[in-house]
Amino acid sequence: MSELKDILLTAPDTMLDASMKPLLQNWSSPPTALQVLEVLDKCIFSSLANGAVIIVLRGEYELRLKEEKTTHDELVERAVWRSNP
């Protein structure tokens, strides 16, 4: 399990809503950019995380994009949760 995953799974509900923890439990090691984007999107659009967690997730997302040699625009096409209002 990755350190970030461990940290987020043990974060208090005041920092990260418990509803995100099942998604985090399914992260690979390291997580894929798509996995990080799903948690990041849901945290931002539903106010499920505080600012510090959002900053950490954004940093992880940027790192995963770079490592996977892809872009946000390419990845968003696969973000199926965005098509469900």
N, C-alpha and C. Protein backbone atom coordinates (compact mmCIF):
# COMPACT_ATOMS: atom_id res chain seq x y z
N MET A 1 0.85 -1.18 0.00
CA MET A 1 0.00 0.00 0.00
C MET A 1 0.89 1.24 0.00
N SER A 2 0.46 2.23 -0.76
CA SER A 2 1.28 3.44 -0.83
C SER A 2 1.13 4.28 0.44
N GLU A 3 2.14 5.09 0.70
CA GLU A 3 2.08 5.96 1.88
C GLU A 3 0.91 6.92 1.80
N LEU A 4 0.69 7.51 0.62
CA LEU A 4 -0.42 8.45 0.47
C LEU A 4 -1.74 7.76 0.74
N LYS A 5 -1.90 6.59 0.21
CA LYS A 5 -3.14 5.83 0.43
C LYS A 5 -3.34 5.59 1.92
N ASP A 6 -2.29 5.16 2.61
CA ASP A 6 -2.36 4.93 4.06
C ASP A 6 -2.77 6.20 4.81
N ILE A 7 -2.14 7.30 4.45
CA ILE A 7 -2.43 8.57 5.12
C ILE A 7 -3.87 8.98 4.91
N LEU A 8 -4.33 8.88 3.66
CA LEU A 8 -5.71 9.29 3.36
C LEU A 8 -6.73 8.37 4.02
N LEU A 9 -6.44 7.09 4.07
CA LEU A 9 -7.37 6.15 4.71
C LEU A 9 -7.49 6.37 6.21
N THR A 10 -6.47 6.94 6.81
CA THR A 10 -6.52 7.19 8.25
C THR A 10 -6.84 8.64 8.59
N ALA A 11 -7.09 9.44 7.57
CA ALA A 11 -7.42 10.86 7.81
C ALA A 11 -8.76 10.97 8.52
N PRO A 12 -8.86 11.90 9.45
CA PRO A 12 -10.14 12.10 10.13
C PRO A 12 -11.21 12.62 9.16
N ASP A 13 -12.46 12.36 9.49
CA ASP A 13 -13.57 12.79 8.64
C ASP A 13 -13.61 14.30 8.44
N THR A 14 -12.99 15.05 9.34
CA THR A 14 -12.96 16.50 9.17
C THR A 14 -12.03 16.92 8.03
N MET A 15 -11.14 16.01 7.65
CA MET A 15 -10.22 16.29 6.53
C MET A 15 -10.70 15.64 5.23
N LEU A 16 -11.20 14.41 5.34
CA LEU A 16 -11.64 13.65 4.18
C LEU A 16 -12.85 12.83 4.58
N ASP A 17 -13.94 13.04 3.88
CA ASP A 17 -15.19 12.34 4.19
C ASP A 17 -15.01 10.83 4.05
N ALA A 18 -15.60 10.09 4.96
CA ALA A 18 -15.48 8.64 4.98
C ALA A 18 -16.02 7.99 3.70
N SER A 19 -16.89 8.66 2.97
CA SER A 19 -17.44 8.11 1.73
C SER A 19 -16.38 7.91 0.65
N MET A 20 -15.24 8.57 0.79
CA MET A 20 -14.16 8.43 -0.19
C MET A 20 -13.25 7.24 0.11
N LYS A 21 -13.33 6.72 1.30
CA LYS A 21 -12.40 5.66 1.70
C LYS A 21 -12.56 4.36 0.91
N PRO A 22 -13.76 3.93 0.51
CA PRO A 22 -13.85 2.74 -0.35
C PRO A 22 -13.13 2.93 -1.69
N LEU A 23 -13.20 4.12 -2.26
CA LEU A 23 -12.47 4.39 -3.50
C LEU A 23 -10.96 4.30 -3.27
N LEU A 24 -10.51 4.85 -2.17
CA LEU A 24 -9.09 4.81 -1.84
C LEU A 24 -8.61 3.38 -1.60
N GLN A 25 -9.43 2.57 -0.99
CA GLN A 25 -9.05 1.18 -0.72
C GLN A 25 -8.81 0.41 -2.02
N ASN A 26 -9.47 0.83 -3.09
CA ASN A 26 -9.32 0.15 -4.38
C ASN A 26 -8.18 0.70 -5.23
N TRP A 27 -7.48 1.72 -4.73
CA TRP A 27 -6.34 2.25 -5.48
C TRP A 27 -5.28 1.17 -5.66
N SER A 28 -4.68 1.17 -6.84
CA SER A 28 -3.51 0.32 -7.06
C SER A 28 -2.31 0.98 -6.38
N SER A 29 -1.18 0.33 -6.45
CA SER A 29 0.02 0.91 -5.83
C SER A 29 1.13 0.99 -6.87
N PRO A 30 1.46 2.16 -7.34
CA PRO A 30 0.85 3.46 -7.04
C PRO A 30 -0.50 3.59 -7.75
N PRO A 31 -1.31 4.54 -7.30
CA PRO A 31 -2.60 4.73 -7.96
C PRO A 31 -2.41 5.26 -9.38
N THR A 32 -3.38 4.98 -10.23
CA THR A 32 -3.35 5.53 -11.57
C THR A 32 -3.88 6.96 -11.54
N ALA A 33 -3.58 7.71 -12.56
CA ALA A 33 -4.08 9.08 -12.65
C ALA A 33 -5.60 9.08 -12.63
N LEU A 34 -6.21 8.10 -13.29
CA LEU A 34 -7.67 8.02 -13.34
C LEU A 34 -8.25 7.77 -11.95
N GLN A 35 -7.62 6.92 -11.16
CA GLN A 35 -8.07 6.67 -9.79
C GLN A 35 -7.99 7.94 -8.95
N VAL A 36 -6.90 8.66 -9.09
CA VAL A 36 -6.73 9.90 -8.32
C VAL A 36 -7.74 10.93 -8.78
N LEU A 37 -7.95 11.04 -10.09
CA LEU A 37 -8.90 12.03 -10.61
C LEU A 37 -10.30 11.77 -10.08
N GLU A 38 -10.71 10.52 -9.99
CA GLU A 38 -12.06 10.23 -9.50
C GLU A 38 -12.23 10.74 -8.07
N VAL A 39 -11.28 10.45 -7.21
CA VAL A 39 -11.37 10.92 -5.82
C VAL A 39 -11.30 12.45 -5.78
N LEU A 40 -10.39 13.02 -6.54
CA LEU A 40 -10.25 14.47 -6.58
C LEU A 40 -11.53 15.15 -7.04
N ASP A 41 -12.11 14.66 -8.12
CA ASP A 41 -13.36 15.23 -8.64
C ASP A 41 -14.46 15.19 -7.59
N LYS A 42 -14.65 14.02 -7.02
CA LYS A 42 -15.74 13.86 -6.05
C LYS A 42 -15.52 14.71 -4.81
N CYS A 43 -14.26 14.84 -4.39
CA CYS A 43 -13.96 15.69 -3.23
C CYS A 43 -14.23 17.16 -3.54
N ILE A 44 -13.87 17.59 -4.73
CA ILE A 44 -14.06 19.00 -5.08
C ILE A 44 -15.54 19.31 -5.31
N PHE A 45 -16.21 18.50 -6.11
CA PHE A 45 -17.58 18.82 -6.50
C PHE A 45 -18.60 18.59 -5.40
N SER A 46 -18.26 17.77 -4.41
CA SER A 46 -19.20 17.51 -3.32
C SER A 46 -18.68 17.99 -1.97
N SER A 47 -17.61 18.77 -1.98
CA SER A 47 -17.01 19.30 -0.75
C SER A 47 -16.75 18.21 0.28
N LEU A 48 -16.01 17.18 -0.14
CA LEU A 48 -15.75 16.03 0.72
C LEU A 48 -14.36 16.03 1.33
N ALA A 49 -13.58 17.08 1.07
CA ALA A 49 -12.23 17.14 1.63
C ALA A 49 -11.86 18.60 1.89
N ASN A 50 -10.96 18.77 2.85
CA ASN A 50 -10.50 20.13 3.12
C ASN A 50 -9.42 20.53 2.11
N GLY A 51 -9.00 21.77 2.17
CA GLY A 51 -8.05 22.31 1.20
C GLY A 51 -6.73 21.58 1.16
N ALA A 52 -6.23 21.16 2.31
CA ALA A 52 -4.94 20.47 2.36
C ALA A 52 -5.01 19.15 1.59
N VAL A 53 -6.08 18.41 1.75
CA VAL A 53 -6.23 17.13 1.05
C VAL A 53 -6.35 17.37 -0.45
N ILE A 54 -7.08 18.40 -0.83
CA ILE A 54 -7.22 18.74 -2.26
C ILE A 54 -5.85 19.05 -2.87
N ILE A 55 -5.04 19.80 -2.17
CA ILE A 55 -3.70 20.14 -2.66
C ILE A 55 -2.86 18.88 -2.83
N VAL A 56 -2.92 17.98 -1.87
CA VAL A 56 -2.16 16.73 -1.95
C VAL A 56 -2.66 15.89 -3.12
N LEU A 57 -3.96 15.77 -3.28
CA LEU A 57 -4.52 14.99 -4.38
C LEU A 57 -4.15 15.60 -5.74
N ARG A 58 -4.16 16.91 -5.84
CA ARG A 58 -3.77 17.56 -7.09
C ARG A 58 -2.31 17.28 -7.42
N GLY A 59 -1.46 17.33 -6.41
CA GLY A 59 -0.04 17.03 -6.63
C GLY A 59 0.16 15.60 -7.09
N GLU A 60 -0.54 14.67 -6.46
CA GLU A 60 -0.45 13.26 -6.85
C GLU A 60 -0.97 13.07 -8.26
N TYR A 61 -2.05 13.76 -8.59
CA TYR A 61 -2.64 13.66 -9.93
C TYR A 61 -1.65 14.14 -10.99
N GLU A 62 -1.03 15.28 -10.76
CA GLU A 62 -0.05 15.81 -11.71
C GLU A 62 1.13 14.85 -11.88
N LEU A 63 1.59 14.27 -10.78
CA LEU A 63 2.67 13.30 -10.83
C LEU A 63 2.28 12.08 -11.65
N ARG A 64 1.08 11.56 -11.43
CA ARG A 64 0.61 10.38 -12.17
C ARG A 64 0.44 10.69 -13.65
N LEU A 65 -0.06 11.88 -13.98
CA LEU A 65 -0.17 12.26 -15.39
C LEU A 65 1.19 12.23 -16.07
N LYS A 66 2.16 12.81 -15.40
CA LYS A 66 3.51 12.87 -15.95
C LYS A 66 4.09 11.47 -16.12
N GLU A 67 3.95 10.63 -15.10
CA GLU A 67 4.49 9.28 -15.16
C GLU A 67 3.80 8.42 -16.21
N GLU A 68 2.51 8.67 -16.42
CA GLU A 68 1.76 7.90 -17.42
C GLU A 68 1.85 8.52 -18.81
N LYS A 69 2.56 9.64 -18.90
CA LYS A 69 2.74 10.33 -20.17
C LYS A 69 1.41 10.60 -20.87
N THR A 70 0.52 11.17 -20.11
CA THR A 70 -0.80 11.53 -20.63
C THR A 70 -1.14 12.94 -20.17
N THR A 71 -2.24 13.46 -20.65
CA THR A 71 -2.69 14.80 -20.27
C THR A 71 -4.05 14.72 -19.60
N HIS A 72 -4.39 15.79 -18.93
CA HIS A 72 -5.70 15.88 -18.29
C HIS A 72 -6.80 15.72 -19.34
N ASP A 73 -6.67 16.40 -20.47
CA ASP A 73 -7.70 16.33 -21.50
C ASP A 73 -7.89 14.92 -22.03
N GLU A 74 -6.81 14.17 -22.18
CA GLU A 74 -6.92 12.78 -22.64
C GLU A 74 -7.60 11.91 -21.59
N LEU A 75 -7.26 12.14 -20.36
CA LEU A 75 -7.78 11.31 -19.28
C LEU A 75 -9.25 11.58 -19.01
N VAL A 76 -9.67 12.81 -19.12
CA VAL A 76 -11.06 13.18 -18.83
C VAL A 76 -12.03 12.42 -19.72
N GLU A 77 -11.60 12.06 -20.91
CA GLU A 77 -12.47 11.29 -21.81
C GLU A 77 -12.85 9.94 -21.20
N ARG A 78 -12.04 9.43 -20.28
CA ARG A 78 -12.30 8.14 -19.64
C ARG A 78 -12.95 8.29 -18.26
N ALA A 79 -13.24 9.50 -17.86
CA ALA A 79 -13.82 9.77 -16.53
C ALA A 79 -15.35 9.58 -16.60
N VAL A 80 -15.77 8.32 -16.58
CA VAL A 80 -17.18 8.00 -16.78
C VAL A 80 -18.09 8.60 -15.70
N TRP A 81 -17.58 8.79 -14.50
CA TRP A 81 -18.40 9.36 -13.42
C TRP A 81 -18.81 10.79 -13.73
N ARG A 82 -18.10 11.46 -14.62
CA ARG A 82 -18.45 12.84 -14.97
C ARG A 82 -19.68 12.92 -15.85
N SER A 83 -20.04 11.83 -16.50
CA SER A 83 -21.20 11.85 -17.38
C SER A 83 -22.50 11.57 -16.63
N ASN A 84 -22.38 11.22 -15.35
CA ASN A 84 -23.57 10.98 -14.51
C ASN A 84 -23.83 12.17 -13.63
N PRO A 85 -24.89 12.93 -13.94
CA PRO A 85 -25.17 14.14 -13.14
C PRO A 85 -25.52 13.85 -11.71
